[in-house]
Amino acid sequence: MRPQFLLDGMLGSLTRWLRICGYDAEYLRNASDEELIRRAIDKRRILLTRDRLLYRKAIRAGAQAFFIKGNSDTEKLASVSRKFRLDLDPEKSRCPQCDATLAVVEKEAVEGKVPSRTLEAYNEFWICVSCGKVYWKGSHWRNIIETVDEAMKQASAIGGSENTL
């Protein structure tokens, strides 16, 4: 079973990257420590945080938690990938906005929902089954692949102890 994550308010960008790589990542921006811990336990999600106190409280309460190290999005994604042996695959992307699954749709189905130049330039489209946002492999796709490739490279590098606080 693929791990499911719960991220605190400090990790909005990492949430987006985990979703892009196909992982269920719930994001609670303004939740209290107690709410985050309770939700992680109740929903059997792995709590990801950069808050040392929250991390320690979660572990004491019996939640599965991981303290995120690194400064860049790439370093944070690599840290999670290394710890949980994640396969980072943007081809399995979930909706970066709402975390729902994406469905392949015919080009005609997105007519009027994307700019006409986009419709002319691309043939593959995906739509979020929940929020309806439309996605395609535009000019940003190369940057996504480069970031994910670098995160996988860093994750596979020897060294770096995880969660020694």
N, C-alpha and C. Protein backbone atom coordinates (compact mmCIF):
# COMPACT_ATOMS: atom_id res chain seq x y z
N MET A 1 0.84 -1.19 0.00
CA MET A 1 0.00 0.00 0.00
C MET A 1 0.88 1.25 0.00
N ARG A 2 0.53 2.20 -0.83
CA ARG A 2 1.28 3.45 -0.91
C ARG A 2 1.02 4.28 0.34
N PRO A 3 2.06 4.90 0.87
CA PRO A 3 1.86 5.72 2.06
C PRO A 3 0.99 6.94 1.75
N GLN A 4 0.24 7.35 2.76
CA GLN A 4 -0.56 8.57 2.67
C GLN A 4 0.01 9.54 3.68
N PHE A 5 0.09 10.79 3.29
CA PHE A 5 0.75 11.79 4.11
C PHE A 5 -0.21 12.86 4.59
N LEU A 6 0.16 13.49 5.70
CA LEU A 6 -0.51 14.67 6.23
C LEU A 6 0.59 15.68 6.49
N LEU A 7 0.49 16.85 5.87
CA LEU A 7 1.54 17.86 5.99
C LEU A 7 1.03 19.07 6.74
N ASP A 8 1.88 19.62 7.58
CA ASP A 8 1.48 20.80 8.35
C ASP A 8 1.62 22.06 7.51
N GLY A 9 1.24 23.19 8.08
CA GLY A 9 1.18 24.46 7.37
C GLY A 9 2.49 24.97 6.82
N MET A 10 3.62 24.41 7.25
CA MET A 10 4.92 24.85 6.75
C MET A 10 5.31 24.17 5.44
N LEU A 11 4.53 23.20 5.00
CA LEU A 11 4.98 22.35 3.90
C LEU A 11 4.03 22.34 2.69
N GLY A 12 3.46 23.49 2.38
CA GLY A 12 2.56 23.58 1.24
C GLY A 12 3.22 23.20 -0.08
N SER A 13 4.44 23.65 -0.28
CA SER A 13 5.13 23.36 -1.53
C SER A 13 5.48 21.87 -1.64
N LEU A 14 5.91 21.26 -0.54
CA LEU A 14 6.20 19.83 -0.54
C LEU A 14 4.92 19.03 -0.82
N THR A 15 3.80 19.50 -0.28
CA THR A 15 2.51 18.85 -0.55
C THR A 15 2.28 18.76 -2.05
N ARG A 16 2.48 19.88 -2.72
CA ARG A 16 2.29 19.94 -4.17
C ARG A 16 3.20 18.95 -4.88
N TRP A 17 4.47 18.88 -4.47
CA TRP A 17 5.41 17.97 -5.12
C TRP A 17 5.06 16.51 -4.88
N LEU A 18 4.62 16.18 -3.68
CA LEU A 18 4.21 14.79 -3.41
C LEU A 18 3.01 14.41 -4.28
N ARG A 19 2.07 15.33 -4.41
CA ARG A 19 0.90 15.07 -5.26
C ARG A 19 1.32 14.90 -6.72
N ILE A 20 2.21 15.75 -7.19
CA ILE A 20 2.70 15.64 -8.57
C ILE A 20 3.34 14.27 -8.80
N CYS A 21 3.97 13.73 -7.77
CA CYS A 21 4.63 12.42 -7.88
C CYS A 21 3.69 11.26 -7.60
N GLY A 22 2.40 11.55 -7.42
CA GLY A 22 1.40 10.50 -7.32
C GLY A 22 1.00 10.09 -5.92
N TYR A 23 1.39 10.85 -4.90
CA TYR A 23 1.08 10.46 -3.52
C TYR A 23 -0.06 11.28 -2.95
N ASP A 24 -0.89 10.59 -2.18
CA ASP A 24 -2.00 11.21 -1.47
C ASP A 24 -1.39 12.03 -0.34
N ALA A 25 -1.53 13.34 -0.43
CA ALA A 25 -0.91 14.25 0.54
C ALA A 25 -1.92 15.30 0.97
N GLU A 26 -2.43 15.12 2.18
CA GLU A 26 -3.38 16.08 2.73
C GLU A 26 -2.61 17.23 3.38
N TYR A 27 -3.10 18.43 3.18
CA TYR A 27 -2.43 19.63 3.69
C TYR A 27 -3.38 20.41 4.59
N LEU A 28 -2.95 20.63 5.82
CA LEU A 28 -3.75 21.42 6.76
C LEU A 28 -2.95 22.66 7.14
N ARG A 29 -3.34 23.78 6.59
CA ARG A 29 -2.60 25.03 6.75
C ARG A 29 -2.65 25.60 8.16
N ASN A 30 -3.81 25.65 8.78
CA ASN A 30 -3.95 26.34 10.06
C ASN A 30 -4.40 25.44 11.20
N ALA A 31 -4.06 24.18 11.16
CA ALA A 31 -4.50 23.24 12.18
C ALA A 31 -3.59 23.32 13.42
N SER A 32 -4.16 23.05 14.56
CA SER A 32 -3.38 22.99 15.80
C SER A 32 -2.56 21.70 15.81
N ASP A 33 -1.56 21.65 16.65
CA ASP A 33 -0.75 20.44 16.79
C ASP A 33 -1.63 19.25 17.15
N GLU A 34 -2.55 19.47 18.07
CA GLU A 34 -3.42 18.39 18.53
C GLU A 34 -4.30 17.86 17.39
N GLU A 35 -4.82 18.78 16.58
CA GLU A 35 -5.65 18.37 15.45
C GLU A 35 -4.83 17.58 14.43
N LEU A 36 -3.61 18.03 14.14
CA LEU A 36 -2.74 17.32 13.20
C LEU A 36 -2.44 15.91 13.70
N ILE A 37 -2.09 15.79 14.96
CA ILE A 37 -1.75 14.49 15.54
C ILE A 37 -2.96 13.56 15.52
N ARG A 38 -4.12 14.09 15.95
CA ARG A 38 -5.34 13.28 15.97
C ARG A 38 -5.69 12.80 14.56
N ARG A 39 -5.60 13.70 13.60
CA ARG A 39 -5.94 13.34 12.21
C ARG A 39 -4.96 12.31 11.65
N ALA A 40 -3.68 12.48 11.95
CA ALA A 40 -2.68 11.52 11.47
C ALA A 40 -2.98 10.12 12.02
N ILE A 41 -3.32 10.05 13.28
CA ILE A 41 -3.63 8.76 13.91
C ILE A 41 -4.94 8.19 13.36
N ASP A 42 -6.00 9.01 13.36
CA ASP A 42 -7.31 8.55 12.92
C ASP A 42 -7.32 8.10 11.46
N LYS A 43 -6.62 8.84 10.61
CA LYS A 43 -6.63 8.55 9.17
C LYS A 43 -5.45 7.69 8.73
N ARG A 44 -4.62 7.30 9.70
CA ARG A 44 -3.43 6.48 9.42
C ARG A 44 -2.54 7.12 8.35
N ARG A 45 -2.30 8.39 8.55
CA ARG A 45 -1.43 9.14 7.65
C ARG A 45 -0.11 9.42 8.35
N ILE A 46 0.93 9.56 7.57
CA ILE A 46 2.25 9.90 8.10
C ILE A 46 2.33 11.42 8.18
N LEU A 47 2.52 11.92 9.37
CA LEU A 47 2.62 13.36 9.58
C LEU A 47 4.01 13.84 9.19
N LEU A 48 4.06 14.79 8.26
CA LEU A 48 5.32 15.40 7.85
C LEU A 48 5.34 16.83 8.37
N THR A 49 6.45 17.20 9.01
CA THR A 49 6.53 18.52 9.62
C THR A 49 7.97 19.02 9.66
N ARG A 50 8.12 20.34 9.81
CA ARG A 50 9.42 20.96 10.06
C ARG A 50 9.44 21.54 11.48
N ASP A 51 8.42 21.23 12.25
CA ASP A 51 8.28 21.73 13.61
C ASP A 51 8.76 20.63 14.57
N ARG A 52 9.90 20.87 15.19
CA ARG A 52 10.50 19.84 16.08
C ARG A 52 9.58 19.46 17.23
N LEU A 53 8.93 20.45 17.83
CA LEU A 53 8.04 20.18 18.95
C LEU A 53 6.85 19.32 18.50
N LEU A 54 6.25 19.67 17.38
CA LEU A 54 5.14 18.88 16.84
C LEU A 54 5.60 17.46 16.54
N TYR A 55 6.76 17.32 15.94
CA TYR A 55 7.28 15.99 15.63
C TYR A 55 7.40 15.15 16.90
N ARG A 56 7.99 15.72 17.94
CA ARG A 56 8.16 14.98 19.20
C ARG A 56 6.82 14.63 19.84
N LYS A 57 5.88 15.58 19.83
CA LYS A 57 4.55 15.31 20.40
C LYS A 57 3.86 14.19 19.63
N ALA A 58 3.97 14.21 18.32
CA ALA A 58 3.32 13.20 17.49
C ALA A 58 3.87 11.81 17.78
N ILE A 59 5.18 11.70 17.88
CA ILE A 59 5.81 10.41 18.18
C ILE A 59 5.35 9.90 19.55
N ARG A 60 5.36 10.81 20.54
CA ARG A 60 4.91 10.41 21.89
C ARG A 60 3.45 9.95 21.89
N ALA A 61 2.63 10.54 21.03
CA ALA A 61 1.20 10.20 20.98
C ALA A 61 0.94 8.93 20.17
N GLY A 62 1.97 8.40 19.53
CA GLY A 62 1.80 7.17 18.77
C GLY A 62 1.53 7.37 17.29
N ALA A 63 1.67 8.59 16.81
CA ALA A 63 1.48 8.85 15.38
C ALA A 63 2.77 8.51 14.64
N GLN A 64 2.63 8.14 13.40
CA GLN A 64 3.81 7.98 12.57
C GLN A 64 4.13 9.37 12.04
N ALA A 65 5.34 9.84 12.28
CA ALA A 65 5.73 11.20 11.90
C ALA A 65 7.15 11.21 11.38
N PHE A 66 7.43 12.21 10.59
CA PHE A 66 8.76 12.38 10.03
C PHE A 66 9.11 13.86 10.03
N PHE A 67 10.28 14.17 10.55
CA PHE A 67 10.77 15.55 10.57
C PHE A 67 11.51 15.82 9.27
N ILE A 68 11.03 16.81 8.53
CA ILE A 68 11.58 17.13 7.21
C ILE A 68 12.81 18.02 7.35
N LYS A 69 13.88 17.57 6.74
CA LYS A 69 15.10 18.36 6.68
C LYS A 69 15.27 18.86 5.26
N GLY A 70 16.15 19.81 5.08
CA GLY A 70 16.42 20.36 3.75
C GLY A 70 15.78 21.73 3.60
N ASN A 71 16.33 22.49 2.70
CA ASN A 71 15.81 23.84 2.49
C ASN A 71 15.02 23.97 1.20
N SER A 72 15.50 23.36 0.13
CA SER A 72 14.83 23.49 -1.16
C SER A 72 13.73 22.43 -1.28
N ASP A 73 12.82 22.67 -2.23
CA ASP A 73 11.78 21.67 -2.51
C ASP A 73 12.42 20.34 -2.88
N THR A 74 13.48 20.39 -3.66
CA THR A 74 14.17 19.17 -4.09
C THR A 74 14.72 18.41 -2.90
N GLU A 75 15.37 19.11 -1.97
CA GLU A 75 15.94 18.45 -0.79
C GLU A 75 14.86 17.85 0.09
N LYS A 76 13.75 18.56 0.25
CA LYS A 76 12.64 18.04 1.07
C LYS A 76 12.03 16.81 0.43
N LEU A 77 11.80 16.87 -0.87
CA LEU A 77 11.23 15.73 -1.58
C LEU A 77 12.18 14.53 -1.53
N ALA A 78 13.46 14.79 -1.67
CA ALA A 78 14.46 13.71 -1.58
C ALA A 78 14.46 13.08 -0.19
N SER A 79 14.33 13.90 0.84
CA SER A 79 14.32 13.40 2.21
C SER A 79 13.16 12.43 2.45
N VAL A 80 11.97 12.81 1.99
CA VAL A 80 10.79 11.95 2.14
C VAL A 80 10.94 10.70 1.28
N SER A 81 11.44 10.87 0.07
CA SER A 81 11.63 9.73 -0.83
C SER A 81 12.59 8.72 -0.24
N ARG A 82 13.68 9.20 0.33
CA ARG A 82 14.69 8.31 0.93
C ARG A 82 14.09 7.56 2.12
N LYS A 83 13.43 8.28 3.00
CA LYS A 83 12.88 7.68 4.22
C LYS A 83 11.84 6.59 3.92
N PHE A 84 10.95 6.88 2.97
CA PHE A 84 9.83 5.98 2.71
C PHE A 84 9.97 5.19 1.42
N ARG A 85 11.16 5.26 0.82
CA ARG A 85 11.47 4.54 -0.42
C ARG A 85 10.39 4.78 -1.49
N LEU A 86 10.12 6.04 -1.72
CA LEU A 86 9.08 6.41 -2.67
C LEU A 86 9.58 6.36 -4.10
N ASP A 87 8.71 5.91 -4.97
CA ASP A 87 8.94 5.99 -6.40
C ASP A 87 8.32 7.31 -6.84
N LEU A 88 9.15 8.26 -7.23
CA LEU A 88 8.66 9.57 -7.63
C LEU A 88 8.37 9.56 -9.12
N ASP A 89 7.09 9.57 -9.48
CA ASP A 89 6.71 9.43 -10.87
C ASP A 89 5.62 10.44 -11.24
N PRO A 90 6.00 11.54 -11.89
CA PRO A 90 5.00 12.53 -12.29
C PRO A 90 3.93 12.01 -13.25
N GLU A 91 4.19 10.89 -13.89
CA GLU A 91 3.18 10.29 -14.77
C GLU A 91 1.98 9.78 -13.96
N LYS A 92 2.14 9.64 -12.64
CA LYS A 92 1.06 9.17 -11.76
C LYS A 92 0.45 10.32 -10.97
N SER A 93 0.63 11.53 -11.45
CA SER A 93 0.24 12.73 -10.72
C SER A 93 -1.21 12.71 -10.25
N ARG A 94 -1.38 13.26 -9.04
CA ARG A 94 -2.70 13.59 -8.52
C ARG A 94 -2.88 15.09 -8.75
N CYS A 95 -4.02 15.62 -8.49
CA CYS A 95 -4.25 17.05 -8.66
C CYS A 95 -3.40 17.82 -7.64
N PRO A 96 -2.48 18.66 -8.09
CA PRO A 96 -1.64 19.42 -7.16
C PRO A 96 -2.45 20.39 -6.30
N GLN A 97 -3.66 20.75 -6.74
CA GLN A 97 -4.49 21.69 -6.01
C GLN A 97 -5.31 21.03 -4.90
N CYS A 98 -5.99 19.93 -5.23
CA CYS A 98 -6.94 19.36 -4.26
C CYS A 98 -6.65 17.92 -3.86
N ASP A 99 -5.67 17.28 -4.48
CA ASP A 99 -5.23 15.93 -4.12
C ASP A 99 -6.08 14.81 -4.70
N ALA A 100 -7.07 15.12 -5.51
CA ALA A 100 -7.90 14.07 -6.11
C ALA A 100 -7.17 13.45 -7.31
N THR A 101 -7.72 12.38 -7.83
CA THR A 101 -7.09 11.72 -8.98
C THR A 101 -7.39 12.49 -10.27
N LEU A 102 -6.54 12.23 -11.26
CA LEU A 102 -6.70 12.85 -12.57
C LEU A 102 -7.17 11.79 -13.55
N ALA A 103 -8.02 12.20 -14.48
CA ALA A 103 -8.52 11.29 -15.51
C ALA A 103 -8.11 11.83 -16.88
N VAL A 104 -7.69 10.92 -17.75
CA VAL A 104 -7.37 11.29 -19.13
C VAL A 104 -8.68 11.69 -19.81
N VAL A 105 -8.63 12.79 -20.57
CA VAL A 105 -9.81 13.21 -21.31
C VAL A 105 -9.43 13.51 -22.75
N GLU A 106 -10.39 13.41 -23.62
CA GLU A 106 -10.18 13.74 -25.02
C GLU A 106 -10.00 15.24 -25.17
N LYS A 107 -9.26 15.62 -26.16
CA LYS A 107 -8.97 17.02 -26.44
C LYS A 107 -10.27 17.84 -26.54
N GLU A 108 -11.26 17.28 -27.17
CA GLU A 108 -12.53 17.99 -27.37
C GLU A 108 -13.22 18.31 -26.04
N ALA A 109 -12.97 17.48 -25.03
CA ALA A 109 -13.62 17.66 -23.73
C ALA A 109 -13.11 18.90 -22.98
N VAL A 110 -11.95 19.40 -23.36
CA VAL A 110 -11.39 20.57 -22.66
C VAL A 110 -11.53 21.85 -23.47
N GLU A 111 -12.15 21.74 -24.62
CA GLU A 111 -12.38 22.93 -25.45
C GLU A 111 -13.20 23.94 -24.64
N GLY A 112 -12.73 25.18 -24.59
CA GLY A 112 -13.39 26.21 -23.81
C GLY A 112 -12.91 26.27 -22.37
N LYS A 113 -12.16 25.24 -21.95
CA LYS A 113 -11.62 25.20 -20.57
C LYS A 113 -10.14 25.54 -20.52
N VAL A 114 -9.51 25.56 -21.69
CA VAL A 114 -8.09 25.91 -21.78
C VAL A 114 -7.95 26.95 -22.89
N PRO A 115 -6.87 27.73 -22.85
CA PRO A 115 -6.66 28.71 -23.93
C PRO A 115 -6.61 28.01 -25.29
N SER A 116 -7.10 28.68 -26.32
CA SER A 116 -7.16 28.08 -27.65
C SER A 116 -5.78 27.70 -28.17
N ARG A 117 -4.76 28.49 -27.84
CA ARG A 117 -3.39 28.16 -28.27
C ARG A 117 -2.91 26.86 -27.61
N THR A 118 -3.32 26.64 -26.37
CA THR A 118 -2.97 25.39 -25.67
C THR A 118 -3.65 24.21 -26.36
N LEU A 119 -4.90 24.40 -26.71
CA LEU A 119 -5.65 23.35 -27.39
C LEU A 119 -5.01 23.00 -28.73
N GLU A 120 -4.48 24.01 -29.41
CA GLU A 120 -3.82 23.78 -30.70
C GLU A 120 -2.47 23.08 -30.53
N ALA A 121 -1.75 23.41 -29.45
CA ALA A 121 -0.37 22.95 -29.28
C ALA A 121 -0.26 21.56 -28.64
N TYR A 122 -1.27 21.12 -27.89
CA TYR A 122 -1.15 19.87 -27.14
C TYR A 122 -2.29 18.92 -27.47
N ASN A 123 -2.01 17.64 -27.33
CA ASN A 123 -3.03 16.62 -27.63
C ASN A 123 -3.45 15.81 -26.42
N GLU A 124 -2.64 15.80 -25.35
CA GLU A 124 -2.94 15.02 -24.16
C GLU A 124 -3.38 15.95 -23.03
N PHE A 125 -4.53 15.61 -22.43
CA PHE A 125 -5.07 16.42 -21.34
C PHE A 125 -5.59 15.51 -20.23
N TRP A 126 -5.55 16.02 -19.02
CA TRP A 126 -6.07 15.34 -17.84
C TRP A 126 -6.95 16.33 -17.11
N ILE A 127 -7.99 15.80 -16.44
CA ILE A 127 -8.87 16.66 -15.67
C ILE A 127 -9.01 16.07 -14.27
N CYS A 128 -9.03 16.95 -13.28
CA CYS A 128 -9.22 16.51 -11.90
C CYS A 128 -10.67 16.06 -11.73
N VAL A 129 -10.85 14.88 -11.17
CA VAL A 129 -12.20 14.34 -10.99
C VAL A 129 -12.97 15.08 -9.90
N SER A 130 -12.28 15.88 -9.09
CA SER A 130 -12.94 16.60 -8.01
C SER A 130 -13.14 18.08 -8.34
N CYS A 131 -12.05 18.80 -8.59
CA CYS A 131 -12.16 20.26 -8.77
C CYS A 131 -12.30 20.68 -10.24
N GLY A 132 -12.07 19.76 -11.17
CA GLY A 132 -12.27 20.05 -12.58
C GLY A 132 -11.12 20.78 -13.26
N LYS A 133 -10.03 21.01 -12.55
CA LYS A 133 -8.89 21.70 -13.17
C LYS A 133 -8.30 20.81 -14.27
N VAL A 134 -7.89 21.45 -15.36
CA VAL A 134 -7.35 20.73 -16.52
C VAL A 134 -5.83 20.86 -16.52
N TYR A 135 -5.17 19.75 -16.87
CA TYR A 135 -3.70 19.71 -16.92
C TYR A 135 -3.23 19.19 -18.27
N TRP A 136 -2.03 19.61 -18.64
CA TRP A 136 -1.36 19.14 -19.84
C TRP A 136 0.13 19.30 -19.62
N LYS A 137 0.92 18.63 -20.46
CA LYS A 137 2.38 18.68 -20.32
C LYS A 137 2.91 19.89 -21.09
N GLY A 138 2.76 21.04 -20.48
CA GLY A 138 3.19 22.30 -21.09
C GLY A 138 4.68 22.55 -20.89
N SER A 139 5.06 23.79 -21.05
CA SER A 139 6.48 24.16 -20.96
C SER A 139 7.06 23.89 -19.57
N HIS A 140 6.22 23.83 -18.56
CA HIS A 140 6.67 23.57 -17.19
C HIS A 140 7.06 22.10 -16.96
N TRP A 141 6.63 21.21 -17.87
CA TRP A 141 6.86 19.77 -17.68
C TRP A 141 8.34 19.44 -17.55
N ARG A 142 9.17 20.09 -18.36
CA ARG A 142 10.62 19.84 -18.30
C ARG A 142 11.17 20.20 -16.91
N ASN A 143 10.70 21.29 -16.34
CA ASN A 143 11.15 21.68 -15.00
C ASN A 143 10.69 20.68 -13.94
N ILE A 144 9.49 20.16 -14.09
CA ILE A 144 8.99 19.15 -13.17
C ILE A 144 9.88 17.91 -13.22
N ILE A 145 10.17 17.44 -14.42
CA ILE A 145 11.00 16.25 -14.59
C ILE A 145 12.40 16.48 -14.02
N GLU A 146 12.97 17.65 -14.27
CA GLU A 146 14.31 17.95 -13.74
C GLU A 146 14.32 17.96 -12.22
N THR A 147 13.32 18.55 -11.60
CA THR A 147 13.24 18.59 -10.13
C THR A 147 13.09 17.19 -9.56
N VAL A 148 12.20 16.40 -10.14
CA VAL A 148 11.96 15.03 -9.66
C VAL A 148 13.21 14.18 -9.86
N ASP A 149 13.85 14.30 -11.02
CA ASP A 149 15.09 13.54 -11.26
C ASP A 149 16.17 13.89 -10.25
N GLU A 150 16.32 15.17 -9.95
CA GLU A 150 17.32 15.61 -8.97
C GLU A 150 16.97 15.09 -7.57
N ALA A 151 15.70 15.11 -7.21
CA ALA A 151 15.27 14.58 -5.91
C ALA A 151 15.57 13.09 -5.81
N MET A 152 15.32 12.34 -6.88
CA MET A 152 15.62 10.90 -6.87
C MET A 152 17.12 10.66 -6.75
N LYS A 153 17.90 11.48 -7.43
CA LYS A 153 19.35 11.36 -7.36
C LYS A 153 19.83 11.63 -5.93
N GLN A 154 19.32 12.68 -5.31
CA GLN A 154 19.69 12.99 -3.93
C GLN A 154 19.21 11.91 -2.97
N ALA A 155 18.03 11.37 -3.21
CA ALA A 155 17.47 10.34 -2.33
C ALA A 155 18.31 9.06 -2.36
N SER A 156 18.89 8.77 -3.51
CA SER A 156 19.66 7.54 -3.63
C SER A 156 21.12 7.72 -3.19
N ALA A 157 21.53 8.94 -2.95
CA ALA A 157 22.91 9.21 -2.52
C ALA A 157 23.13 8.62 -1.12
N ILE A 158 24.29 8.08 -0.91
CA ILE A 158 24.64 7.50 0.39
C ILE A 158 24.84 8.64 1.37
N GLY A 159 24.45 8.39 2.60
CA GLY A 159 24.70 9.38 3.65
C GLY A 159 23.43 10.06 4.09
N GLY A 160 23.57 10.86 5.13
CA GLY A 160 22.43 11.60 5.66
C GLY A 160 21.60 10.77 6.58
N SER A 161 21.65 11.06 7.84
CA SER A 161 20.82 10.31 8.80
C SER A 161 19.46 10.99 8.87
N GLU A 162 18.44 10.19 8.98
CA GLU A 162 17.08 10.70 9.01
C GLU A 162 16.54 10.73 10.45
N ASN A 163 16.00 11.86 10.81
CA ASN A 163 15.30 12.04 12.07
C ASN A 163 16.13 11.75 13.31
N THR A 164 17.32 12.26 13.33
CA THR A 164 18.09 12.23 14.57
C THR A 164 18.02 13.61 15.18
N LEU A 165 17.03 13.80 16.05
CA LEU A 165 16.81 15.11 16.66
C LEU A 165 17.37 15.16 18.06
